Amino acid sequence: MPTRLKLPLAVPLVLIIVAHVGMWRDPDMTFEAKRNWTLVNTLAWGVIVLPMFAVNQWLKVKTRKD
């Protein structure tokens, strides 16, 4: 993967990780709220990333030269 494509993928990933670490270190937020927000975030990213991965794999198969 070219470097110019890695940076736009790495920046949101780092921001998400930093936000989760900040959330989990926050003493004012309850454990249940932290767990619920992490679950919502995980499910939301799963809904976005899994179909994208499936379409990518399908496209590789369709465009492969036999």
PDB file of N, CA and C in Angstrom:
ATOM      1  N   MET A   1       0.847  -1.169   0.000  1.00  0.00           N
ATOM      2  CA  MET A   1       0.000   0.000   0.000  1.00  0.00           C
ATOM      3  C   MET A   1       0.897   1.237   0.000  1.00  0.00           C
ATOM      4  N   PRO A   2       0.607   2.195  -0.883  1.00  0.00           N
ATOM      5  CA  PRO A   2       1.430   3.407  -0.933  1.00  0.00           C
ATOM      6  C   PRO A   2       1.308   4.233   0.351  1.00  0.00           C
ATOM      7  N   THR A   3       2.369   4.974   0.640  1.00  0.00           N
ATOM      8  CA  THR A   3       2.409   5.784   1.852  1.00  0.00           C
ATOM      9  C   THR A   3       1.303   6.835   1.857  1.00  0.00           C
ATOM     10  N   ARG A   4       0.974   7.374   0.693  1.00  0.00           N
ATOM     11  CA  ARG A   4      -0.059   8.414   0.638  1.00  0.00           C
ATOM     12  C   ARG A   4      -1.431   7.875   1.016  1.00  0.00           C
ATOM     13  N   LEU A   5      -1.621   6.560   0.961  1.00  0.00           N
ATOM     14  CA  LEU A   5      -2.877   5.961   1.385  1.00  0.00           C
ATOM     15  C   LEU A   5      -2.828   5.509   2.841  1.00  0.00           C
ATOM     16  N   LYS A   6      -1.639   5.241   3.341  1.00  0.00           N
ATOM     17  CA  LYS A   6      -1.512   4.778   4.728  1.00  0.00           C
ATOM     18  C   LYS A   6      -1.821   5.887   5.733  1.00  0.00           C
ATOM     19  N   LEU A   7      -1.396   7.104   5.422  1.00  0.00           N
ATOM     20  CA  LEU A   7      -1.594   8.208   6.368  1.00  0.00           C
ATOM     21  C   LEU A   7      -3.070   8.496   6.624  1.00  0.00           C
ATOM     22  N   PRO A   8      -3.921   8.628   5.585  1.00  0.00           N
ATOM     23  CA  PRO A   8      -5.343   8.868   5.873  1.00  0.00           C
ATOM     24  C   PRO A   8      -6.014   7.721   6.638  1.00  0.00           C
ATOM     25  N   LEU A   9      -5.489   6.523   6.548  1.00  0.00           N
ATOM     26  CA  LEU A   9      -6.041   5.412   7.319  1.00  0.00           C
ATOM     27  C   LEU A   9      -5.511   5.397   8.744  1.00  0.00           C
ATOM     28  N   ALA A  10      -4.259   5.803   8.911  1.00  0.00           N
ATOM     29  CA  ALA A  10      -3.630   5.763  10.226  1.00  0.00           C
ATOM     30  C   ALA A  10      -4.140   6.869  11.147  1.00  0.00           C
ATOM     31  N   VAL A  11      -4.406   8.052  10.599  1.00  0.00           N
ATOM     32  CA  VAL A  11      -4.821   9.186  11.435  1.00  0.00           C
ATOM     33  C   VAL A  11      -6.138   8.904  12.160  1.00  0.00           C
ATOM     34  N   PRO A  12      -7.216   8.486  11.481  1.00  0.00           N
ATOM     35  CA  PRO A  12      -8.450   8.195  12.237  1.00  0.00           C
ATOM     36  C   PRO A  12      -8.279   7.050  13.238  1.00  0.00           C
ATOM     37  N   LEU A  13      -7.484   6.049  12.869  1.00  0.00           N
ATOM     38  CA  LEU A  13      -7.253   4.936  13.776  1.00  0.00           C
ATOM     39  C   LEU A  13      -6.580   5.413  15.061  1.00  0.00           C
ATOM     40  N   VAL A  14      -5.566   6.238  14.936  1.00  0.00           N
ATOM     41  CA  VAL A  14      -4.870   6.763  16.113  1.00  0.00           C
ATOM     42  C   VAL A  14      -5.813   7.637  16.939  1.00  0.00           C
ATOM     43  N   LEU A  15      -6.622   8.462  16.285  1.00  0.00           N
ATOM     44  CA  LEU A  15      -7.568   9.316  17.013  1.00  0.00           C
ATOM     45  C   LEU A  15      -8.604   8.489  17.777  1.00  0.00           C
ATOM     46  N   ILE A  16      -9.082   7.421  17.174  1.00  0.00           N
ATOM     47  CA  ILE A  16     -10.056   6.550  17.840  1.00  0.00           C
ATOM     48  C   ILE A  16      -9.427   5.880  19.056  1.00  0.00           C
ATOM     49  N   ILE A  17      -8.213   5.404  18.905  1.00  0.00           N
ATOM     50  CA  ILE A  17      -7.523   4.748  20.025  1.00  0.00           C
ATOM     51  C   ILE A  17      -7.282   5.736  21.159  1.00  0.00           C
ATOM     52  N   VAL A  18      -6.836   6.941  20.822  1.00  0.00           N
ATOM     53  CA  VAL A  18      -6.585   7.962  21.852  1.00  0.00           C
ATOM     54  C   VAL A  18      -7.891   8.332  22.558  1.00  0.00           C
ATOM     55  N   ALA A  19      -8.980   8.442  21.808  1.00  0.00           N
ATOM     56  CA  ALA A  19     -10.270   8.773  22.423  1.00  0.00           C
ATOM     57  C   ALA A  19     -10.728   7.670  23.366  1.00  0.00           C
ATOM     58  N   HIS A  20     -10.525   6.413  22.981  1.00  0.00           N
ATOM     59  CA  HIS A  20     -10.921   5.313  23.864  1.00  0.00           C
ATOM     60  C   HIS A  20     -10.070   5.259  25.124  1.00  0.00           C
ATOM     61  N   VAL A  21      -8.791   5.492  24.981  1.00  0.00           N
ATOM     62  CA  VAL A  21      -7.924   5.512  26.172  1.00  0.00           C
ATOM     63  C   VAL A  21      -8.354   6.640  27.100  1.00  0.00           C
ATOM     64  N   GLY A  22      -8.631   7.811  26.534  1.00  0.00           N
ATOM     65  CA  GLY A  22      -9.097   8.928  27.352  1.00  0.00           C
ATOM     66  C   GLY A  22     -10.411   8.621  28.047  1.00  0.00           C
ATOM     67  N   MET A  23     -11.325   7.982  27.332  1.00  0.00           N
ATOM     68  CA  MET A  23     -12.614   7.633  27.920  1.00  0.00           C
ATOM     69  C   MET A  23     -12.427   6.641  29.065  1.00  0.00           C
ATOM     70  N   TRP A  24     -11.615   5.614  28.856  1.00  0.00           N
ATOM     71  CA  TRP A  24     -11.443   4.592  29.888  1.00  0.00           C
ATOM     72  C   TRP A  24     -10.668   5.110  31.097  1.00  0.00           C
ATOM     73  N   ARG A  25      -9.888   6.164  30.922  1.00  0.00           N
ATOM     74  CA  ARG A  25      -9.143   6.730  32.053  1.00  0.00           C
ATOM     75  C   ARG A  25      -9.952   7.790  32.802  1.00  0.00           C
ATOM     76  N   ASP A  26     -11.091   8.195  32.267  1.00  0.00           N
ATOM     77  CA  ASP A  26     -11.920   9.225  32.887  1.00  0.00           C
ATOM     78  C   ASP A  26     -12.558   8.693  34.170  1.00  0.00           C
ATOM     79  N   PRO A  27     -12.253   9.299  35.313  1.00  0.00           N
ATOM     80  CA  PRO A  27     -12.813   8.788  36.576  1.00  0.00           C
ATOM     81  C   PRO A  27     -14.283   9.164  36.787  1.00  0.00           C
ATOM     82  N   ASP A  28     -14.796  10.142  36.043  1.00  0.00           N
ATOM     83  CA  ASP A  28     -16.173  10.596  36.242  1.00  0.00           C
ATOM     84  C   ASP A  28     -17.198   9.746  35.500  1.00  0.00           C
ATOM     85  N   MET A  29     -16.761   8.925  34.577  1.00  0.00           N
ATOM     86  CA  MET A  29     -17.675   8.111  33.777  1.00  0.00           C
ATOM     87  C   MET A  29     -17.804   6.728  34.425  1.00  0.00           C
ATOM     88  N   THR A  30     -19.023   6.216  34.474  1.00  0.00           N
ATOM     89  CA  THR A  30     -19.226   4.902  35.102  1.00  0.00           C
ATOM     90  C   THR A  30     -18.696   3.794  34.194  1.00  0.00           C
ATOM     91  N   PHE A  31     -18.415   2.667  34.797  1.00  0.00           N
ATOM     92  CA  PHE A  31     -17.910   1.528  34.035  1.00  0.00           C
ATOM     93  C   PHE A  31     -18.925   1.078  32.992  1.00  0.00           C
ATOM     94  N   GLU A  32     -20.202   1.086  33.365  1.00  0.00           N
ATOM     95  CA  GLU A  32     -21.246   0.649  32.435  1.00  0.00           C
ATOM     96  C   GLU A  32     -21.325   1.572  31.222  1.00  0.00           C
ATOM     97  N   ALA A  33     -21.186   2.866  31.445  1.00  0.00           N
ATOM     98  CA  ALA A  33     -21.220   3.827  30.332  1.00  0.00           C
ATOM     99  C   ALA A  33     -20.010   3.617  29.414  1.00  0.00           C
ATOM    100  N   LYS A  34     -18.854   3.395  30.017  1.00  0.00           N
ATOM    101  CA  LYS A  34     -17.647   3.140  29.211  1.00  0.00           C
ATOM    102  C   LYS A  34     -17.827   1.885  28.364  1.00  0.00           C
ATOM    103  N   ARG A  35     -18.329   0.836  28.996  1.00  0.00           N
ATOM    104  CA  ARG A  35     -18.540  -0.418  28.279  1.00  0.00           C
ATOM    105  C   ARG A  35     -19.562  -0.253  27.166  1.00  0.00           C
ATOM    106  N   ASN A  36     -20.654   0.444  27.455  1.00  0.00           N
ATOM    107  CA  ASN A  36     -21.692   0.650  26.445  1.00  0.00           C
ATOM    108  C   ASN A  36     -21.181   1.466  25.264  1.00  0.00           C
ATOM    109  N   TRP A  37     -20.454   2.548  25.531  1.00  0.00           N
ATOM    110  CA  TRP A  37     -19.914   3.358  24.435  1.00  0.00           C
ATOM    111  C   TRP A  37     -18.901   2.577  23.608  1.00  0.00           C
ATOM    112  N   THR A  38     -18.096   1.753  24.266  1.00  0.00           N
ATOM    113  CA  THR A  38     -17.137   0.931  23.529  1.00  0.00           C
ATOM    114  C   THR A  38     -17.871  -0.085  22.661  1.00  0.00           C
ATOM    115  N   LEU A  39     -18.925  -0.678  23.170  1.00  0.00           N
ATOM    116  CA  LEU A  39     -19.712  -1.637  22.397  1.00  0.00           C
ATOM    117  C   LEU A  39     -20.385  -0.968  21.196  1.00  0.00           C
ATOM    118  N   VAL A  40     -20.971   0.198  21.405  1.00  0.00           N
ATOM    119  CA  VAL A  40     -21.601   0.930  20.304  1.00  0.00           C
ATOM    120  C   VAL A  40     -20.570   1.273  19.231  1.00  0.00           C
ATOM    121  N   ASN A  41     -19.413   1.732  19.663  1.00  0.00           N
ATOM    122  CA  ASN A  41     -18.363   2.077  18.707  1.00  0.00           C
ATOM    123  C   ASN A  41     -17.889   0.855  17.938  1.00  0.00           C
ATOM    124  N   THR A  42     -17.723  -0.251  18.614  1.00  0.00           N
ATOM    125  CA  THR A  42     -17.279  -1.481  17.959  1.00  0.00           C
ATOM    126  C   THR A  42     -18.294  -1.963  16.933  1.00  0.00           C
ATOM    127  N   LEU A  43     -19.558  -1.950  17.306  1.00  0.00           N
ATOM    128  CA  LEU A  43     -20.602  -2.378  16.374  1.00  0.00           C
ATOM    129  C   LEU A  43     -20.696  -1.439  15.175  1.00  0.00           C
ATOM    130  N   ALA A  44     -20.581  -0.147  15.416  1.00  0.00           N
ATOM    131  CA  ALA A  44     -20.653   0.815  14.321  1.00  0.00           C
ATOM    132  C   ALA A  44     -19.506   0.614  13.340  1.00  0.00           C
ATOM    133  N   TRP A  45     -18.302   0.436  13.856  1.00  0.00           N
ATOM    134  CA  TRP A  45     -17.162   0.204  12.964  1.00  0.00           C
ATOM    135  C   TRP A  45     -17.282  -1.135  12.254  1.00  0.00           C
ATOM    136  N   GLY A  46     -17.854  -2.128  12.921  1.00  0.00           N
ATOM    137  CA  GLY A  46     -18.078  -3.415  12.259  1.00  0.00           C
ATOM    138  C   GLY A  46     -19.034  -3.291  11.090  1.00  0.00           C
ATOM    139  N   VAL A  47     -20.070  -2.484  11.263  1.00  0.00           N
ATOM    140  CA  VAL A  47     -21.034  -2.265  10.183  1.00  0.00           C
ATOM    141  C   VAL A  47     -20.373  -1.552   9.005  1.00  0.00           C
ATOM    142  N   ILE A  48     -19.401  -0.696   9.284  1.00  0.00           N
ATOM    143  CA  ILE A  48     -18.715   0.039   8.219  1.00  0.00           C
ATOM    144  C   ILE A  48     -17.625  -0.808   7.569  1.00  0.00           C
ATOM    145  N   VAL A  49     -16.790  -1.438   8.379  1.00  0.00           N
ATOM    146  CA  VAL A  49     -15.587  -2.102   7.861  1.00  0.00           C
ATOM    147  C   VAL A  49     -15.876  -3.467   7.239  1.00  0.00           C
ATOM    148  N   LEU A  50     -16.733  -4.267   7.827  1.00  0.00           N
ATOM    149  CA  LEU A  50     -16.967  -5.617   7.296  1.00  0.00           C
ATOM    150  C   LEU A  50     -17.532  -5.613   5.876  1.00  0.00           C
ATOM    151  N   PRO A  51     -18.553  -4.803   5.561  1.00  0.00           N
ATOM    152  CA  PRO A  51     -19.006  -4.767   4.166  1.00  0.00           C
ATOM    153  C   PRO A  51     -17.943  -4.217   3.217  1.00  0.00           C
ATOM    154  N   MET A  52     -17.153  -3.253   3.697  1.00  0.00           N
ATOM    155  CA  MET A  52     -16.089  -2.705   2.866  1.00  0.00           C
ATOM    156  C   MET A  52     -15.061  -3.794   2.544  1.00  0.00           C
ATOM    157  N   PHE A  53     -14.715  -4.596   3.530  1.00  0.00           N
ATOM    158  CA  PHE A  53     -13.782  -5.699   3.313  1.00  0.00           C
ATOM    159  C   PHE A  53     -14.375  -6.721   2.346  1.00  0.00           C
ATOM    160  N   ALA A  54     -15.657  -7.035   2.511  1.00  0.00           N
ATOM    161  CA  ALA A  54     -16.305  -8.021   1.637  1.00  0.00           C
ATOM    162  C   ALA A  54     -16.347  -7.526   0.187  1.00  0.00           C
ATOM    163  N   VAL A  55     -16.662  -6.268  -0.010  1.00  0.00           N
ATOM    164  CA  VAL A  55     -16.691  -5.712  -1.367  1.00  0.00           C
ATOM    165  C   VAL A  55     -15.291  -5.709  -1.971  1.00  0.00           C
ATOM    166  N   ASN A  56     -14.301  -5.402  -1.167  1.00  0.00           N
ATOM    167  CA  ASN A  56     -12.916  -5.426  -1.647  1.00  0.00           C
ATOM    168  C   ASN A  56     -12.523  -6.831  -2.107  1.00  0.00           C
ATOM    169  N   GLN A  57     -12.870  -7.842  -1.333  1.00  0.00           N
ATOM    170  CA  GLN A  57     -12.549  -9.217  -1.710  1.00  0.00           C
ATOM    171  C   GLN A  57     -13.306  -9.627  -2.972  1.00  0.00           C
ATOM    172  N   TRP A  58     -14.572  -9.241  -3.069  1.00  0.00           N
ATOM    173  CA  TRP A  58     -15.379  -9.544  -4.245  1.00  0.00           C
ATOM    174  C   TRP A  58     -14.778  -8.889  -5.484  1.00  0.00           C
ATOM    175  N   LEU A  59     -14.345  -7.625  -5.340  1.00  0.00           N
ATOM    176  CA  LEU A  59     -13.761  -6.906  -6.469  1.00  0.00           C
ATOM    177  C   LEU A  59     -12.451  -7.545  -6.918  1.00  0.00           C
ATOM    178  N   LYS A  60     -11.651  -8.026  -5.971  1.00  0.00           N
ATOM    179  CA  LYS A  60     -10.404  -8.716  -6.331  1.00  0.00           C
ATOM    180  C   LYS A  60     -10.701  -9.962  -7.161  1.00  0.00           C
ATOM    181  N   VAL A  61     -11.712 -10.716  -6.772  1.00  0.00           N
ATOM    182  CA  VAL A  61     -12.076 -11.927  -7.503  1.00  0.00           C
ATOM    183  C   VAL A  61     -12.587 -11.570  -8.888  1.00  0.00           C
ATOM    184  N   LYS A  62     -13.409 -10.540  -8.985  1.00  0.00           N
ATOM    185  CA  LYS A  62     -13.999 -10.154 -10.264  1.00  0.00           C
ATOM    186  C   LYS A  62     -12.961  -9.596 -11.250  1.00  0.00           C
ATOM    187  N   THR A  63     -11.965  -8.898 -10.746  1.00  0.00           N
ATOM    188  CA  THR A  63     -10.977  -8.251 -11.614  1.00  0.00           C
ATOM    189  C   THR A  63      -9.727  -9.094 -11.820  1.00  0.00           C
ATOM    190  N   ARG A  64      -9.669 -10.258 -11.191  1.00  0.00           N
ATOM    191  CA  ARG A  64      -8.482 -11.127 -11.324  1.00  0.00           C
ATOM    192  C   ARG A  64      -8.396 -11.652 -12.745  1.00  0.00           C
ATOM    193  N   LYS A  65      -7.205 -11.646 -13.275  1.00  0.00           N
ATOM    194  CA  LYS A  65      -6.995 -12.184 -14.620  1.00  0.00           C
ATOM    195  C   LYS A  65      -6.673 -13.664 -14.515  1.00  0.00           C
ATOM    196  N   ASP A  66      -7.431 -14.461 -15.216  1.00  0.00           N
ATOM    197  CA  ASP A  66      -7.227 -15.924 -15.180  1.00  0.00           C
ATOM    198  C   ASP A  66      -6.210 -16.357 -16.198  1.00  0.00           C
TER     199      ASP A  66
END
